[in-house]
């Protein structure tokens, strides 16, 4: 089965980061973990609710590039550096999946950049 990368290269601070925004293999689309970016840099300010809206918007855009929507998401993984942000994250996340939400795991973890969350999803969309 052929592997197809989705999206333009990711550039941060003038450096190309060696990951793909998404990869399609057969009927599955795997998105890399998304952290909130605004004006080309990690969003280190704002509430978890604001950052979750940004991340979900980024996910929607990448899914669209792959010919998918949030309705095609079957699995999500979320990382939060603070347990105290779970309720705010969950409230906003639920706005994007109001019916038949995907399976999801959420864990407390340190992140590589100073943001309040990272979310990765897998979509299933037969061609």
N, C-alpha and C. Protein backbone atom coordinates (compact mmCIF):
# COMPACT_ATOMS: atom_id res chain seq x y z
N UNK A 1 0.84 -1.17 0.00
CA UNK A 1 0.00 0.00 0.00
C UNK A 1 0.89 1.24 0.00
N UNK A 2 0.58 2.19 -0.87
CA UNK A 2 1.39 3.40 -0.99
C UNK A 2 1.12 4.37 0.16
N UNK A 3 2.14 5.09 0.51
CA UNK A 3 2.05 6.12 1.56
C UNK A 3 2.04 7.48 0.86
N UNK A 4 1.10 8.34 1.26
CA UNK A 4 0.99 9.68 0.68
C UNK A 4 1.07 10.71 1.80
N UNK A 5 2.01 11.65 1.69
CA UNK A 5 2.08 12.71 2.69
C UNK A 5 1.12 13.83 2.32
N UNK A 6 0.55 14.44 3.34
CA UNK A 6 -0.45 15.50 3.17
C UNK A 6 0.10 16.80 3.74
N UNK A 7 -0.05 17.89 3.01
CA UNK A 7 0.31 19.21 3.52
C UNK A 7 1.72 19.63 3.16
N UNK A 8 1.94 20.93 3.30
CA UNK A 8 3.25 21.52 3.04
C UNK A 8 4.21 21.17 4.18
N UNK A 9 5.51 21.28 3.91
CA UNK A 9 6.47 21.06 4.99
C UNK A 9 6.21 22.02 6.16
N UNK A 10 6.55 21.58 7.35
CA UNK A 10 6.39 22.39 8.55
C UNK A 10 7.69 23.15 8.78
N UNK A 11 7.58 24.48 8.83
CA UNK A 11 8.75 25.33 9.02
C UNK A 11 8.56 26.13 10.31
N UNK A 12 9.54 26.05 11.19
CA UNK A 12 9.52 26.79 12.45
C UNK A 12 10.85 27.51 12.58
N UNK A 13 10.78 28.81 12.74
CA UNK A 13 12.00 29.60 12.88
C UNK A 13 12.94 29.46 11.70
N UNK A 14 12.38 29.28 10.52
CA UNK A 14 13.19 29.13 9.32
C UNK A 14 13.73 27.73 9.09
N UNK A 15 13.44 26.81 10.00
CA UNK A 15 13.92 25.43 9.88
C UNK A 15 12.78 24.49 9.50
N UNK A 16 13.03 23.61 8.54
CA UNK A 16 12.04 22.59 8.17
C UNK A 16 12.09 21.50 9.23
N UNK A 17 10.93 21.20 9.81
CA UNK A 17 10.82 20.17 10.84
C UNK A 17 10.57 18.82 10.14
N UNK A 18 11.29 17.76 10.49
CA UNK A 18 11.19 16.50 9.76
C UNK A 18 9.97 15.64 10.15
N UNK A 19 8.77 16.21 10.00
CA UNK A 19 7.54 15.45 10.19
C UNK A 19 6.55 15.88 9.12
N UNK A 20 5.61 15.03 8.82
CA UNK A 20 4.52 15.36 7.89
C UNK A 20 3.32 15.80 8.71
N UNK A 21 2.53 16.73 8.17
CA UNK A 21 1.30 17.12 8.85
C UNK A 21 0.36 15.93 8.95
N UNK A 22 0.33 15.13 7.87
CA UNK A 22 -0.50 13.93 7.87
C UNK A 22 0.04 12.96 6.83
N UNK A 23 -0.32 11.69 7.02
CA UNK A 23 0.05 10.65 6.08
C UNK A 23 -1.18 9.79 5.83
N UNK A 24 -1.49 9.56 4.55
CA UNK A 24 -2.58 8.66 4.18
C UNK A 24 -1.97 7.33 3.77
N UNK A 25 -2.53 6.26 4.32
CA UNK A 25 -2.19 4.90 3.93
C UNK A 25 -3.51 4.18 3.73
N UNK A 26 -3.83 3.84 2.50
CA UNK A 26 -5.12 3.21 2.22
C UNK A 26 -6.25 4.15 2.58
N UNK A 27 -7.15 3.67 3.40
CA UNK A 27 -8.33 4.45 3.79
C UNK A 27 -8.13 5.22 5.10
N UNK A 28 -6.95 5.14 5.68
CA UNK A 28 -6.67 5.83 6.94
C UNK A 28 -5.79 7.05 6.71
N UNK A 29 -6.07 8.11 7.48
CA UNK A 29 -5.26 9.33 7.48
C UNK A 29 -4.80 9.56 8.91
N UNK A 30 -3.48 9.60 9.10
CA UNK A 30 -2.87 9.77 10.41
C UNK A 30 -2.30 11.18 10.50
N UNK A 31 -2.81 12.00 11.39
CA UNK A 31 -2.28 13.35 11.59
C UNK A 31 -1.20 13.33 12.66
N UNK A 32 -0.17 14.13 12.45
CA UNK A 32 0.82 14.34 13.49
C UNK A 32 0.17 15.14 14.61
N UNK A 33 0.74 15.07 15.79
CA UNK A 33 0.22 15.84 16.91
C UNK A 33 0.26 17.33 16.58
N UNK A 34 -0.83 18.02 16.89
CA UNK A 34 -0.93 19.45 16.60
C UNK A 34 -0.90 20.25 17.90
N UNK A 35 -0.02 21.23 17.93
CA UNK A 35 0.02 22.18 19.04
C UNK A 35 -0.43 23.53 18.49
N UNK A 36 -0.97 24.39 19.34
CA UNK A 36 -1.50 25.66 18.84
C UNK A 36 -0.40 26.58 18.31
N UNK A 37 -0.55 26.98 17.05
CA UNK A 37 0.37 27.91 16.41
C UNK A 37 -0.42 29.14 16.00
N UNK A 38 0.16 30.29 16.23
CA UNK A 38 -0.45 31.56 15.81
C UNK A 38 0.67 32.44 15.27
N UNK A 39 0.46 32.99 14.11
CA UNK A 39 1.46 33.86 13.48
C UNK A 39 2.81 33.15 13.34
N UNK A 40 2.78 31.85 13.00
CA UNK A 40 3.99 31.10 12.74
C UNK A 40 4.80 30.68 13.94
N UNK A 41 4.24 30.83 15.15
CA UNK A 41 4.97 30.44 16.35
C UNK A 41 4.03 29.74 17.33
N UNK A 42 4.58 28.90 18.21
CA UNK A 42 3.73 28.27 19.22
C UNK A 42 2.99 29.32 20.04
N UNK A 43 1.74 29.05 20.33
CA UNK A 43 0.88 29.96 21.09
C UNK A 43 1.13 29.73 22.58
N UNK A 44 2.04 30.49 23.15
CA UNK A 44 2.44 30.28 24.54
C UNK A 44 1.58 31.07 25.53
N UNK A 45 0.61 31.83 25.02
CA UNK A 45 -0.31 32.56 25.88
C UNK A 45 -1.73 32.10 25.56
N UNK A 46 -2.66 32.54 26.38
CA UNK A 46 -4.06 32.17 26.16
C UNK A 46 -4.47 31.01 27.03
N UNK A 47 -5.78 30.86 27.17
CA UNK A 47 -6.34 29.79 27.99
C UNK A 47 -6.31 28.47 27.24
N UNK A 48 -6.51 27.39 27.95
CA UNK A 48 -6.58 26.09 27.29
C UNK A 48 -7.76 26.06 26.32
N UNK A 49 -8.84 26.78 26.65
CA UNK A 49 -9.99 26.83 25.74
C UNK A 49 -9.60 27.51 24.43
N UNK A 50 -8.91 28.65 24.52
CA UNK A 50 -8.48 29.35 23.31
C UNK A 50 -7.52 28.49 22.49
N UNK A 51 -6.57 27.87 23.17
CA UNK A 51 -5.61 27.03 22.47
C UNK A 51 -6.28 25.80 21.85
N UNK A 52 -7.28 25.26 22.51
CA UNK A 52 -7.99 24.09 21.95
C UNK A 52 -8.71 24.48 20.67
N UNK A 53 -9.35 25.64 20.64
CA UNK A 53 -10.00 26.11 19.41
C UNK A 53 -8.99 26.23 18.27
N UNK A 54 -7.81 26.76 18.57
CA UNK A 54 -6.78 26.90 17.54
C UNK A 54 -6.34 25.53 17.02
N UNK A 55 -6.07 24.61 17.93
CA UNK A 55 -5.64 23.26 17.54
C UNK A 55 -6.72 22.56 16.71
N UNK A 56 -7.96 22.65 17.14
CA UNK A 56 -9.03 21.97 16.40
C UNK A 56 -9.22 22.60 15.01
N UNK A 57 -9.01 23.90 14.90
CA UNK A 57 -9.05 24.55 13.59
C UNK A 57 -7.94 24.05 12.69
N UNK A 58 -6.75 23.86 13.26
CA UNK A 58 -5.62 23.33 12.50
C UNK A 58 -5.93 21.91 12.04
N UNK A 59 -6.50 21.10 12.93
CA UNK A 59 -6.84 19.72 12.59
C UNK A 59 -7.87 19.69 11.47
N UNK A 60 -8.90 20.53 11.56
CA UNK A 60 -9.92 20.59 10.50
C UNK A 60 -9.29 20.93 9.15
N UNK A 61 -8.35 21.87 9.13
CA UNK A 61 -7.71 22.29 7.89
C UNK A 61 -6.87 21.16 7.28
N UNK A 62 -6.13 20.44 8.12
CA UNK A 62 -5.30 19.34 7.62
C UNK A 62 -6.20 18.21 7.12
N UNK A 63 -7.26 17.91 7.87
CA UNK A 63 -8.21 16.88 7.42
C UNK A 63 -8.80 17.27 6.06
N UNK A 64 -9.15 18.54 5.88
CA UNK A 64 -9.71 19.01 4.61
C UNK A 64 -8.71 18.79 3.48
N UNK A 65 -7.42 19.06 3.74
CA UNK A 65 -6.38 18.81 2.72
C UNK A 65 -6.33 17.35 2.32
N UNK A 66 -6.72 16.47 3.24
CA UNK A 66 -6.73 15.03 2.98
C UNK A 66 -8.08 14.53 2.46
N UNK A 67 -9.04 15.46 2.27
CA UNK A 67 -10.36 15.08 1.80
C UNK A 67 -11.25 14.52 2.89
N UNK A 68 -10.97 14.88 4.13
CA UNK A 68 -11.72 14.37 5.28
C UNK A 68 -12.34 15.52 6.08
N UNK A 69 -13.21 15.15 7.01
CA UNK A 69 -13.79 16.09 7.96
C UNK A 69 -13.65 15.50 9.37
N UNK A 70 -14.07 16.27 10.35
CA UNK A 70 -14.05 15.76 11.71
C UNK A 70 -14.95 14.53 11.86
N UNK A 71 -15.97 14.41 11.03
CA UNK A 71 -16.86 13.24 11.08
C UNK A 71 -16.12 11.95 10.73
N UNK A 72 -14.97 12.06 10.07
CA UNK A 72 -14.20 10.88 9.68
C UNK A 72 -13.20 10.45 10.75
N UNK A 73 -13.06 11.23 11.81
CA UNK A 73 -12.08 10.92 12.87
C UNK A 73 -12.59 9.74 13.69
N UNK A 74 -11.74 8.72 13.82
CA UNK A 74 -12.11 7.52 14.58
C UNK A 74 -11.34 7.39 15.89
N UNK A 75 -10.20 8.10 16.01
CA UNK A 75 -9.38 8.01 17.22
C UNK A 75 -8.67 9.33 17.44
N UNK A 76 -8.59 9.75 18.68
CA UNK A 76 -7.85 10.96 19.05
C UNK A 76 -7.00 10.66 20.27
N UNK A 77 -5.87 11.32 20.33
CA UNK A 77 -4.99 11.28 21.49
C UNK A 77 -4.72 12.72 21.89
N UNK A 78 -4.79 13.00 23.18
CA UNK A 78 -4.54 14.35 23.65
C UNK A 78 -3.56 14.32 24.81
N UNK A 79 -2.68 15.31 24.83
CA UNK A 79 -1.70 15.47 25.89
C UNK A 79 -1.90 16.84 26.49
N UNK A 80 -2.01 16.89 27.81
CA UNK A 80 -2.14 18.14 28.56
C UNK A 80 -1.04 18.16 29.61
N UNK A 81 -0.31 19.27 29.74
CA UNK A 81 0.71 19.32 30.78
C UNK A 81 0.15 19.52 32.19
N UNK A 82 -1.13 19.95 32.26
CA UNK A 82 -1.73 20.21 33.57
C UNK A 82 -3.10 19.55 33.69
N UNK A 83 -3.27 18.79 34.75
CA UNK A 83 -4.56 18.16 35.02
C UNK A 83 -5.67 19.21 35.16
N UNK A 84 -5.32 20.39 35.65
CA UNK A 84 -6.27 21.47 35.84
C UNK A 84 -6.88 21.99 34.55
N UNK A 85 -6.29 21.67 33.41
CA UNK A 85 -6.81 22.13 32.12
C UNK A 85 -7.78 21.14 31.47
N UNK A 86 -7.96 19.98 32.10
CA UNK A 86 -8.78 18.94 31.47
C UNK A 86 -10.22 19.39 31.22
N UNK A 87 -10.88 19.99 32.20
CA UNK A 87 -12.28 20.36 32.03
C UNK A 87 -12.46 21.39 30.91
N UNK A 88 -11.60 22.40 30.85
CA UNK A 88 -11.68 23.40 29.80
C UNK A 88 -11.42 22.80 28.43
N UNK A 89 -10.40 21.95 28.35
CA UNK A 89 -10.10 21.26 27.09
C UNK A 89 -11.29 20.41 26.65
N UNK A 90 -11.81 19.61 27.58
CA UNK A 90 -12.88 18.68 27.26
C UNK A 90 -14.14 19.41 26.78
N UNK A 91 -14.44 20.54 27.40
CA UNK A 91 -15.62 21.33 27.01
C UNK A 91 -15.51 21.78 25.55
N UNK A 92 -14.38 22.37 25.19
CA UNK A 92 -14.19 22.85 23.82
C UNK A 92 -14.09 21.69 22.85
N UNK A 93 -13.34 20.66 23.19
CA UNK A 93 -13.20 19.48 22.33
C UNK A 93 -14.58 18.92 22.00
N UNK A 94 -15.47 18.86 22.99
CA UNK A 94 -16.82 18.34 22.79
C UNK A 94 -17.63 19.16 21.80
N UNK A 95 -17.33 20.45 21.65
CA UNK A 95 -18.03 21.28 20.67
C UNK A 95 -17.72 20.82 19.25
N UNK A 96 -16.56 20.22 19.03
CA UNK A 96 -16.16 19.77 17.71
C UNK A 96 -16.65 18.35 17.40
N UNK A 97 -17.03 17.62 18.44
CA UNK A 97 -17.54 16.25 18.28
C UNK A 97 -18.83 16.11 19.09
N UNK A 98 -19.90 16.83 18.71
CA UNK A 98 -21.12 16.82 19.52
C UNK A 98 -21.90 15.50 19.43
N UNK A 99 -21.66 14.71 18.38
CA UNK A 99 -22.40 13.45 18.20
C UNK A 99 -21.42 12.38 17.74
N UNK A 100 -21.56 11.20 18.29
CA UNK A 100 -20.69 10.06 17.92
C UNK A 100 -19.21 10.43 17.93
N UNK A 101 -18.69 10.89 19.07
CA UNK A 101 -17.28 11.28 19.11
C UNK A 101 -16.35 10.09 18.89
N UNK A 102 -15.13 10.37 18.44
CA UNK A 102 -14.17 9.29 18.25
C UNK A 102 -13.70 8.72 19.58
N UNK A 103 -13.09 7.56 19.53
CA UNK A 103 -12.40 7.03 20.70
C UNK A 103 -11.28 8.01 21.03
N UNK A 104 -10.95 8.15 22.33
CA UNK A 104 -9.92 9.12 22.69
C UNK A 104 -9.17 8.68 23.94
N UNK A 105 -7.89 8.99 23.96
CA UNK A 105 -7.07 8.86 25.16
C UNK A 105 -6.56 10.25 25.49
N UNK A 106 -6.54 10.59 26.77
CA UNK A 106 -6.01 11.89 27.22
C UNK A 106 -5.08 11.62 28.40
N UNK A 107 -3.87 12.14 28.31
CA UNK A 107 -2.90 11.92 29.37
C UNK A 107 -2.24 13.23 29.78
N UNK A 108 -1.71 13.24 30.98
CA UNK A 108 -0.92 14.35 31.47
C UNK A 108 0.53 14.06 31.09
N UNK A 109 1.17 15.03 30.43
CA UNK A 109 2.52 14.81 29.95
C UNK A 109 3.22 16.14 29.71
N UNK A 110 4.54 16.15 29.87
CA UNK A 110 5.31 17.31 29.45
C UNK A 110 5.27 17.41 27.94
N UNK A 111 5.29 18.62 27.40
CA UNK A 111 5.27 18.82 25.95
C UNK A 111 6.58 19.43 25.50
N UNK A 112 6.88 19.32 24.23
CA UNK A 112 8.14 19.82 23.69
C UNK A 112 8.17 21.34 23.56
N UNK A 113 6.99 21.98 23.54
CA UNK A 113 6.92 23.44 23.49
C UNK A 113 6.01 23.91 24.62
N UNK A 114 6.12 25.16 25.00
CA UNK A 114 5.38 25.71 26.14
C UNK A 114 3.96 26.09 25.75
N UNK A 115 3.13 25.08 25.52
CA UNK A 115 1.71 25.27 25.18
C UNK A 115 0.88 24.42 26.14
N UNK A 116 -0.43 24.54 26.02
CA UNK A 116 -1.32 23.86 26.97
C UNK A 116 -1.86 22.52 26.48
N UNK A 117 -1.60 22.14 25.22
CA UNK A 117 -2.09 20.86 24.74
C UNK A 117 -1.45 20.46 23.44
N UNK A 118 -1.58 19.19 23.14
CA UNK A 118 -1.26 18.63 21.83
C UNK A 118 -2.33 17.59 21.54
N UNK A 119 -2.83 17.58 20.30
CA UNK A 119 -3.87 16.64 19.91
C UNK A 119 -3.48 16.00 18.58
N UNK A 120 -3.64 14.69 18.51
CA UNK A 120 -3.38 13.94 17.28
C UNK A 120 -4.64 13.12 16.98
N UNK A 121 -4.97 13.01 15.70
CA UNK A 121 -6.16 12.23 15.33
C UNK A 121 -5.84 11.28 14.18
N UNK A 122 -6.67 10.25 14.08
CA UNK A 122 -6.65 9.32 12.96
C UNK A 122 -8.04 9.32 12.36
N UNK A 123 -8.09 9.47 11.03
CA UNK A 123 -9.38 9.47 10.32
C UNK A 123 -9.47 8.25 9.41
N UNK A 124 -10.67 7.83 9.16
CA UNK A 124 -10.95 6.73 8.23
C UNK A 124 -11.88 7.26 7.15
N UNK A 125 -11.40 7.26 5.90
CA UNK A 125 -12.19 7.77 4.79
C UNK A 125 -11.87 6.94 3.56
N UNK A 126 -12.74 5.96 3.24
CA UNK A 126 -12.50 5.18 2.02
C UNK A 126 -12.46 6.08 0.79
N UNK A 127 -11.59 5.76 -0.11
CA UNK A 127 -11.46 6.54 -1.36
C UNK A 127 -12.54 6.16 -2.33
